[in-house]
N, C-alpha and C. Protein backbone atom coordinates (compact mmCIF):
# COMPACT_ATOMS: atom_id res chain seq x y z
N MET A 1 11.11 -8.34 4.33
CA MET A 1 11.08 -8.76 5.81
C MET A 1 11.11 -7.32 6.70
N LYS A 2 11.74 -6.44 6.13
CA LYS A 2 11.54 -5.07 6.88
C LYS A 2 10.17 -4.83 6.75
N GLU A 3 9.75 -4.71 5.49
CA GLU A 3 8.31 -4.08 5.67
C GLU A 3 7.24 -4.75 6.43
N ILE A 4 7.26 -6.36 6.72
CA ILE A 4 6.54 -6.96 7.47
C ILE A 4 6.79 -6.38 9.04
N ALA A 5 8.01 -6.35 9.30
CA ALA A 5 8.35 -6.22 10.85
C ALA A 5 7.76 -4.51 10.96
N LEU A 6 7.88 -3.62 9.86
CA LEU A 6 7.33 -2.42 10.39
C LEU A 6 5.86 -2.34 10.44
N VAL A 7 5.03 -3.15 9.82
CA VAL A 7 3.62 -3.19 9.90
C VAL A 7 3.17 -4.08 11.01
N PHE A 8 4.16 -4.93 11.33
CA PHE A 8 3.72 -5.69 12.78
C PHE A 8 4.08 -4.81 13.95
N VAL A 9 5.09 -4.12 13.90
CA VAL A 9 5.42 -3.31 15.24
C VAL A 9 4.27 -2.02 15.23
N GLY A 10 3.76 -1.29 14.21
CA GLY A 10 2.93 -0.52 14.06
C GLY A 10 1.56 -0.95 14.40
N GLY A 11 1.12 -2.21 13.94
CA GLY A 11 -0.17 -2.69 14.39
C GLY A 11 -0.11 -3.12 15.78
N GLY A 12 0.76 -3.70 16.43
CA GLY A 12 0.85 -3.97 18.09
C GLY A 12 0.60 -2.73 18.63
N ALA A 13 1.43 -1.37 18.31
CA ALA A 13 1.12 -0.37 18.93
C ALA A 13 -0.40 0.33 18.77
N GLY A 14 -0.77 -0.02 17.41
CA GLY A 14 -2.10 0.63 17.21
C GLY A 14 -3.02 -0.10 18.28
N SER A 15 -3.00 -1.47 18.32
CA SER A 15 -3.77 -2.16 19.03
C SER A 15 -3.82 -2.12 20.47
N VAL A 16 -2.62 -1.77 20.94
CA VAL A 16 -2.61 -1.27 22.52
C VAL A 16 -3.33 -0.11 22.71
N VAL A 17 -2.97 1.00 21.85
CA VAL A 17 -3.65 2.34 22.07
C VAL A 17 -5.11 2.10 21.91
N ARG A 18 -5.68 1.30 21.10
CA ARG A 18 -7.21 0.92 20.90
C ARG A 18 -7.58 0.39 22.18
N PHE A 19 -6.92 -0.60 22.69
CA PHE A 19 -7.37 -1.19 24.01
C PHE A 19 -7.29 -0.31 25.27
N LEU A 20 -6.20 0.67 25.37
CA LEU A 20 -6.34 1.75 26.58
C LEU A 20 -7.57 2.59 26.20
N ILE A 21 -7.55 2.88 25.04
CA ILE A 21 -8.64 4.14 24.94
C ILE A 21 -10.19 3.34 25.27
N GLY A 22 -10.30 2.04 24.70
CA GLY A 22 -11.39 1.66 24.94
C GLY A 22 -11.71 1.29 26.61
N LYS A 23 -10.72 1.16 27.51
CA LYS A 23 -10.82 0.67 28.91
C LYS A 23 -11.07 2.19 29.37
N ALA A 24 -10.36 3.19 28.82
CA ALA A 24 -10.85 4.62 29.36
C ALA A 24 -12.06 5.08 29.15
N VAL A 25 -12.86 4.86 28.12
CA VAL A 25 -13.98 5.34 27.90
C VAL A 25 -15.03 4.34 28.47
N VAL A 26 -14.80 3.24 28.52
CA VAL A 26 -15.87 2.27 29.07
C VAL A 26 -15.86 2.67 30.65
N SER A 27 -14.57 2.85 31.22
CA SER A 27 -14.65 3.18 32.67
C SER A 27 -15.38 4.39 33.03
N ARG A 28 -15.58 5.34 32.19
CA ARG A 28 -16.09 6.74 32.56
C ARG A 28 -17.54 6.89 31.91
N TYR A 29 -17.75 6.23 30.93
CA TYR A 29 -19.13 6.56 30.16
C TYR A 29 -19.86 5.03 30.22
N THR A 30 -21.15 4.94 30.37
CA THR A 30 -21.93 3.85 30.21
C THR A 30 -23.04 4.53 29.13
N SER A 31 -23.13 3.93 27.92
CA SER A 31 -24.06 4.31 26.76
C SER A 31 -24.22 3.14 26.10
N LEU A 32 -25.35 3.17 25.40
CA LEU A 32 -25.78 2.24 24.37
C LEU A 32 -24.91 2.34 22.98
N PHE A 33 -24.52 3.59 23.06
CA PHE A 33 -23.64 4.07 21.79
C PHE A 33 -22.32 3.81 21.88
N PRO A 34 -21.43 3.03 21.22
CA PRO A 34 -20.23 2.74 21.41
C PRO A 34 -18.96 3.50 21.05
N TYR A 35 -18.75 4.95 21.99
CA TYR A 35 -17.97 5.75 21.90
C TYR A 35 -16.65 5.37 21.50
N ALA A 36 -16.33 4.43 22.23
CA ALA A 36 -14.57 4.15 22.18
C ALA A 36 -14.43 3.43 20.73
N THR A 37 -15.06 2.55 20.19
CA THR A 37 -14.74 2.23 18.80
C THR A 37 -15.12 3.54 17.77
N PHE A 38 -16.21 4.34 18.11
CA PHE A 38 -16.54 5.26 17.07
C PHE A 38 -15.32 6.25 16.72
N GLY A 39 -14.72 6.68 18.16
CA GLY A 39 -13.57 7.53 18.31
C GLY A 39 -12.34 6.90 17.62
N VAL A 40 -12.00 5.51 17.88
CA VAL A 40 -10.77 5.31 17.38
C VAL A 40 -10.87 5.05 15.98
N ASN A 41 -12.06 4.66 15.46
CA ASN A 41 -12.08 4.63 13.77
C ASN A 41 -12.01 5.89 13.33
N ILE A 42 -12.46 6.94 13.89
CA ILE A 42 -12.30 8.41 13.40
C ILE A 42 -10.96 8.54 13.36
N LEU A 43 -10.15 8.72 14.65
CA LEU A 43 -8.83 8.96 14.84
C LEU A 43 -7.95 8.04 13.83
N ALA A 44 -8.20 6.98 13.67
CA ALA A 44 -7.37 6.01 12.55
C ALA A 44 -7.70 6.53 11.30
N SER A 45 -8.78 6.87 10.92
CA SER A 45 -9.17 7.59 9.45
C SER A 45 -8.50 8.85 9.40
N PHE A 46 -8.44 9.57 10.28
CA PHE A 46 -7.67 11.07 9.85
C PHE A 46 -6.36 10.60 9.84
N VAL A 47 -5.61 9.96 10.70
CA VAL A 47 -4.23 9.92 10.82
C VAL A 47 -4.03 8.97 9.56
N LEU A 48 -4.78 8.28 8.75
CA LEU A 48 -4.42 7.45 7.54
C LEU A 48 -4.61 8.71 6.35
N GLY A 49 -5.48 9.06 6.50
CA GLY A 49 -5.56 10.20 5.55
C GLY A 49 -4.57 11.16 5.64
N LEU A 50 -4.03 11.50 6.70
CA LEU A 50 -2.82 12.51 6.82
C LEU A 50 -1.43 12.03 6.29
N MET A 51 -1.44 10.40 6.82
CA MET A 51 -0.18 9.73 6.32
C MET A 51 -0.13 9.57 4.75
N ILE A 52 -1.08 9.52 4.22
CA ILE A 52 -1.31 9.11 2.57
C ILE A 52 -0.83 10.49 2.03
N ALA A 53 -1.44 11.34 2.39
CA ALA A 53 -1.17 12.76 1.55
C ALA A 53 0.22 13.31 1.77
N THR A 54 0.74 12.85 3.05
CA THR A 54 2.07 13.59 3.21
C THR A 54 3.03 12.55 2.94
N PHE A 55 3.06 11.14 2.80
CA PHE A 55 4.30 10.38 2.37
C PHE A 55 4.15 9.27 1.29
N SER A 56 2.98 9.35 0.78
CA SER A 56 2.66 8.45 -0.39
C SER A 56 3.38 8.63 -1.73
N LYS A 57 3.40 10.11 -1.90
CA LYS A 57 4.29 10.55 -3.08
C LYS A 57 5.78 10.80 -2.68
N LYS A 58 6.24 10.89 -1.64
CA LYS A 58 7.50 11.07 -1.46
C LYS A 58 8.64 10.02 -1.70
N THR A 59 9.47 10.39 -2.35
CA THR A 59 10.70 9.26 -2.75
C THR A 59 11.88 9.60 -1.98
N ASP A 60 11.75 10.38 -0.67
CA ASP A 60 13.05 10.58 0.09
C ASP A 60 13.09 9.38 1.15
N GLY A 61 12.72 8.34 1.07
CA GLY A 61 13.02 7.44 1.97
C GLY A 61 11.95 7.25 3.04
N MET A 62 11.07 7.83 2.97
CA MET A 62 10.15 8.09 3.90
C MET A 62 8.84 7.13 3.73
N GLN A 63 8.73 6.33 2.77
CA GLN A 63 7.84 5.05 2.68
C GLN A 63 7.68 4.33 3.92
N TRP A 64 8.69 4.10 4.73
CA TRP A 64 8.68 3.12 5.96
C TRP A 64 7.86 3.63 6.71
N LEU A 65 7.62 4.77 7.00
CA LEU A 65 6.77 5.70 7.70
C LEU A 65 5.20 5.31 7.69
N LEU A 66 4.92 5.49 6.38
CA LEU A 66 3.63 4.88 5.83
C LEU A 66 3.27 3.55 6.15
N LEU A 67 4.18 2.57 6.09
CA LEU A 67 3.85 1.28 6.59
C LEU A 67 3.79 1.28 7.78
N LEU A 68 4.51 1.73 8.74
CA LEU A 68 4.59 1.81 10.06
C LEU A 68 3.41 2.19 10.60
N VAL A 69 3.13 3.33 10.42
CA VAL A 69 1.97 4.32 11.04
C VAL A 69 0.56 4.14 10.23
N GLY A 70 0.88 4.22 8.91
CA GLY A 70 -0.53 4.24 7.73
C GLY A 70 -1.14 2.53 7.76
N THR A 71 -0.15 1.85 7.34
CA THR A 71 -0.80 0.41 7.30
C THR A 71 -0.82 -0.17 8.90
N GLY A 72 0.26 -0.23 9.70
CA GLY A 72 0.42 -0.93 10.77
C GLY A 72 -0.19 -0.39 11.80
N PHE A 73 -0.11 0.87 12.34
CA PHE A 73 -0.56 1.57 13.61
C PHE A 73 -2.04 1.93 13.10
N CYS A 74 -2.36 2.32 12.08
CA CYS A 74 -3.86 2.78 11.86
C CYS A 74 -4.59 1.52 11.66
N GLY A 75 -4.08 0.27 10.90
CA GLY A 75 -4.64 -1.00 10.98
C GLY A 75 -5.07 -1.48 12.47
N GLY A 76 -4.13 -1.45 13.23
CA GLY A 76 -4.31 -1.97 14.49
C GLY A 76 -5.30 -1.18 15.31
N LEU A 77 -5.18 0.10 15.22
CA LEU A 77 -5.97 0.96 15.97
C LEU A 77 -7.58 0.88 15.39
N SER A 78 -8.01 0.96 14.19
CA SER A 78 -9.03 0.99 13.64
C SER A 78 -9.87 -0.55 13.87
N THR A 79 -11.11 -0.55 13.99
CA THR A 79 -11.66 -1.95 14.37
C THR A 79 -12.68 -2.15 13.87
N PHE A 80 -12.62 -2.49 12.32
CA PHE A 80 -14.09 -2.86 11.63
C PHE A 80 -15.01 -4.35 12.42
N SER A 81 -14.00 -5.14 12.71
CA SER A 81 -14.69 -5.98 13.32
C SER A 81 -15.58 -5.86 14.71
N THR A 82 -15.06 -5.26 15.20
CA THR A 82 -15.74 -4.78 16.56
C THR A 82 -16.84 -3.67 16.18
N PHE A 83 -16.73 -2.73 15.22
CA PHE A 83 -17.61 -1.82 14.66
C PHE A 83 -18.71 -2.86 14.19
N SER A 84 -18.54 -4.09 13.32
CA SER A 84 -19.42 -4.74 12.94
C SER A 84 -20.29 -5.60 14.08
N TYR A 85 -19.30 -6.15 15.06
CA TYR A 85 -20.28 -6.90 16.07
C TYR A 85 -21.16 -6.02 16.85
N GLU A 86 -20.63 -4.85 17.11
CA GLU A 86 -21.58 -3.83 17.83
C GLU A 86 -22.78 -3.34 17.14
N ASN A 87 -22.71 -3.34 15.64
CA ASN A 87 -23.82 -3.11 15.03
C ASN A 87 -24.78 -4.34 15.01
N PHE A 88 -24.21 -5.55 14.91
CA PHE A 88 -25.06 -6.75 15.08
C PHE A 88 -25.69 -6.83 16.72
N SER A 89 -24.97 -6.58 17.36
CA SER A 89 -25.46 -6.65 18.94
C SER A 89 -26.56 -5.69 19.01
N LEU A 90 -26.54 -4.31 18.42
CA LEU A 90 -27.65 -3.60 18.36
C LEU A 90 -28.89 -3.92 17.77
N LEU A 91 -28.75 -4.74 16.63
CA LEU A 91 -29.87 -4.98 16.13
C LEU A 91 -30.61 -6.42 17.00
N GLN A 92 -29.65 -7.19 17.40
CA GLN A 92 -30.18 -8.33 18.26
C GLN A 92 -30.96 -7.77 19.41
N LYS A 93 -30.60 -6.58 19.76
CA LYS A 93 -31.38 -5.91 21.03
C LYS A 93 -32.31 -4.89 20.79
N GLY A 94 -32.82 -4.90 19.22
CA GLY A 94 -33.88 -4.26 18.82
C GLY A 94 -33.45 -2.76 18.84
N GLU A 95 -32.38 -2.53 18.77
CA GLU A 95 -31.87 -0.92 18.83
C GLU A 95 -31.83 -0.31 17.41
N THR A 96 -32.81 -0.55 16.64
CA THR A 96 -32.91 -0.21 15.29
C THR A 96 -32.36 1.25 14.93
N SER A 97 -33.35 2.09 15.74
CA SER A 97 -32.51 3.65 15.48
C SER A 97 -31.11 3.58 15.90
N MET A 98 -30.68 3.18 17.04
CA MET A 98 -29.21 3.29 17.37
C MET A 98 -28.19 2.59 16.29
N PHE A 99 -28.62 1.53 15.81
CA PHE A 99 -27.88 0.83 14.62
C PHE A 99 -27.64 1.89 13.37
N PHE A 100 -28.84 2.39 12.97
CA PHE A 100 -28.70 3.33 11.91
C PHE A 100 -27.84 4.73 12.41
N ILE A 101 -28.19 5.18 13.34
CA ILE A 101 -27.39 6.41 14.12
C ILE A 101 -25.80 5.97 13.97
N TYR A 102 -25.55 4.76 14.58
CA TYR A 102 -24.16 4.41 14.74
C TYR A 102 -23.37 4.05 13.44
N THR A 103 -24.25 3.50 12.30
CA THR A 103 -23.58 2.95 11.14
C THR A 103 -23.40 4.66 10.24
N ILE A 104 -24.21 5.17 10.35
CA ILE A 104 -24.19 6.25 9.39
C ILE A 104 -23.39 7.39 9.79
N THR A 105 -23.30 7.68 11.00
CA THR A 105 -22.18 8.61 11.60
C THR A 105 -20.96 8.13 11.47
N SER A 106 -20.73 6.79 11.82
CA SER A 106 -19.41 6.11 11.61
C SER A 106 -18.87 6.58 10.30
N PHE A 107 -19.60 6.17 9.49
CA PHE A 107 -19.11 6.24 8.08
C PHE A 107 -18.84 7.61 7.64
N ALA A 108 -19.86 8.62 7.95
CA ALA A 108 -19.60 9.93 7.74
C ALA A 108 -18.43 10.53 8.43
N ALA A 109 -18.38 10.16 9.62
CA ALA A 109 -17.33 10.93 10.35
C ALA A 109 -15.78 10.27 10.10
N CYS A 110 -15.78 8.96 9.57
CA CYS A 110 -14.51 8.43 9.33
C CYS A 110 -14.23 8.83 7.88
N LEU A 111 -15.08 9.22 7.11
CA LEU A 111 -14.87 9.67 5.65
C LEU A 111 -14.43 11.02 5.71
N ALA A 112 -15.11 11.65 6.78
CA ALA A 112 -14.57 13.19 6.92
C ALA A 112 -13.26 13.39 7.55
N GLY A 113 -12.98 12.18 8.50
CA GLY A 113 -11.59 12.04 8.96
C GLY A 113 -10.46 12.05 7.95
N VAL A 114 -10.78 10.86 6.89
CA VAL A 114 -9.64 10.54 6.16
C VAL A 114 -9.57 12.16 5.00
N ALA A 115 -10.75 12.67 4.92
CA ALA A 115 -10.54 13.95 4.13
C ALA A 115 -9.74 14.89 4.78
N GLY A 116 -10.01 15.23 5.94
CA GLY A 116 -9.46 16.14 6.88
C GLY A 116 -8.12 15.83 6.99
N GLY A 117 -7.77 14.61 7.26
CA GLY A 117 -6.23 14.29 7.36
C GLY A 117 -5.45 14.47 6.01
N TYR A 118 -6.29 14.04 5.16
CA TYR A 118 -5.36 14.23 3.70
C TYR A 118 -5.28 15.61 3.44
N LEU A 119 -6.32 16.61 3.65
CA LEU A 119 -6.13 17.99 3.03
C LEU A 119 -4.92 18.42 4.04
N LEU A 120 -4.94 18.36 5.24
CA LEU A 120 -4.15 18.87 6.30
C LEU A 120 -2.65 18.24 5.80
N GLY A 121 -2.53 17.09 5.20
CA GLY A 121 -1.26 16.46 4.95
C GLY A 121 -0.94 17.03 3.55
N GLN A 122 -1.78 17.61 2.83
CA GLN A 122 -1.36 18.03 1.62
C GLN A 122 -0.43 19.32 1.69
N LYS A 123 -1.10 20.21 2.91
CA LYS A 123 -0.29 21.24 3.25
C LYS A 123 0.86 21.47 3.79
N ALA A 124 1.15 20.19 4.46
CA ALA A 124 2.81 20.05 5.05
C ALA A 124 3.69 19.96 4.00
């Protein structure tokens, strides 16, 4: 039950942060490219990589932090369903070039985020 509570609290916090970042970005920038989702997905990927490298092999009672931040917060912060909808919407609008740019850069940047966070976490 404690594990479920940790994921629940972390997921709620990540969702709120995603919502606030989305509002802030949309209120300042108008663009076909969905910068808010792009940014939070990279951030969540980086934090998850950092958490996994830092805490997944530790046996000193820190596994709860991986559940709270890694699974919960990063799961609530990242948003694959929104990413998928935005790609679908770009295709519906006939914005094929933007669809490919968004899909490829999101995948590459999030992969780099996980790798960067993981490498940084290994040094800690």
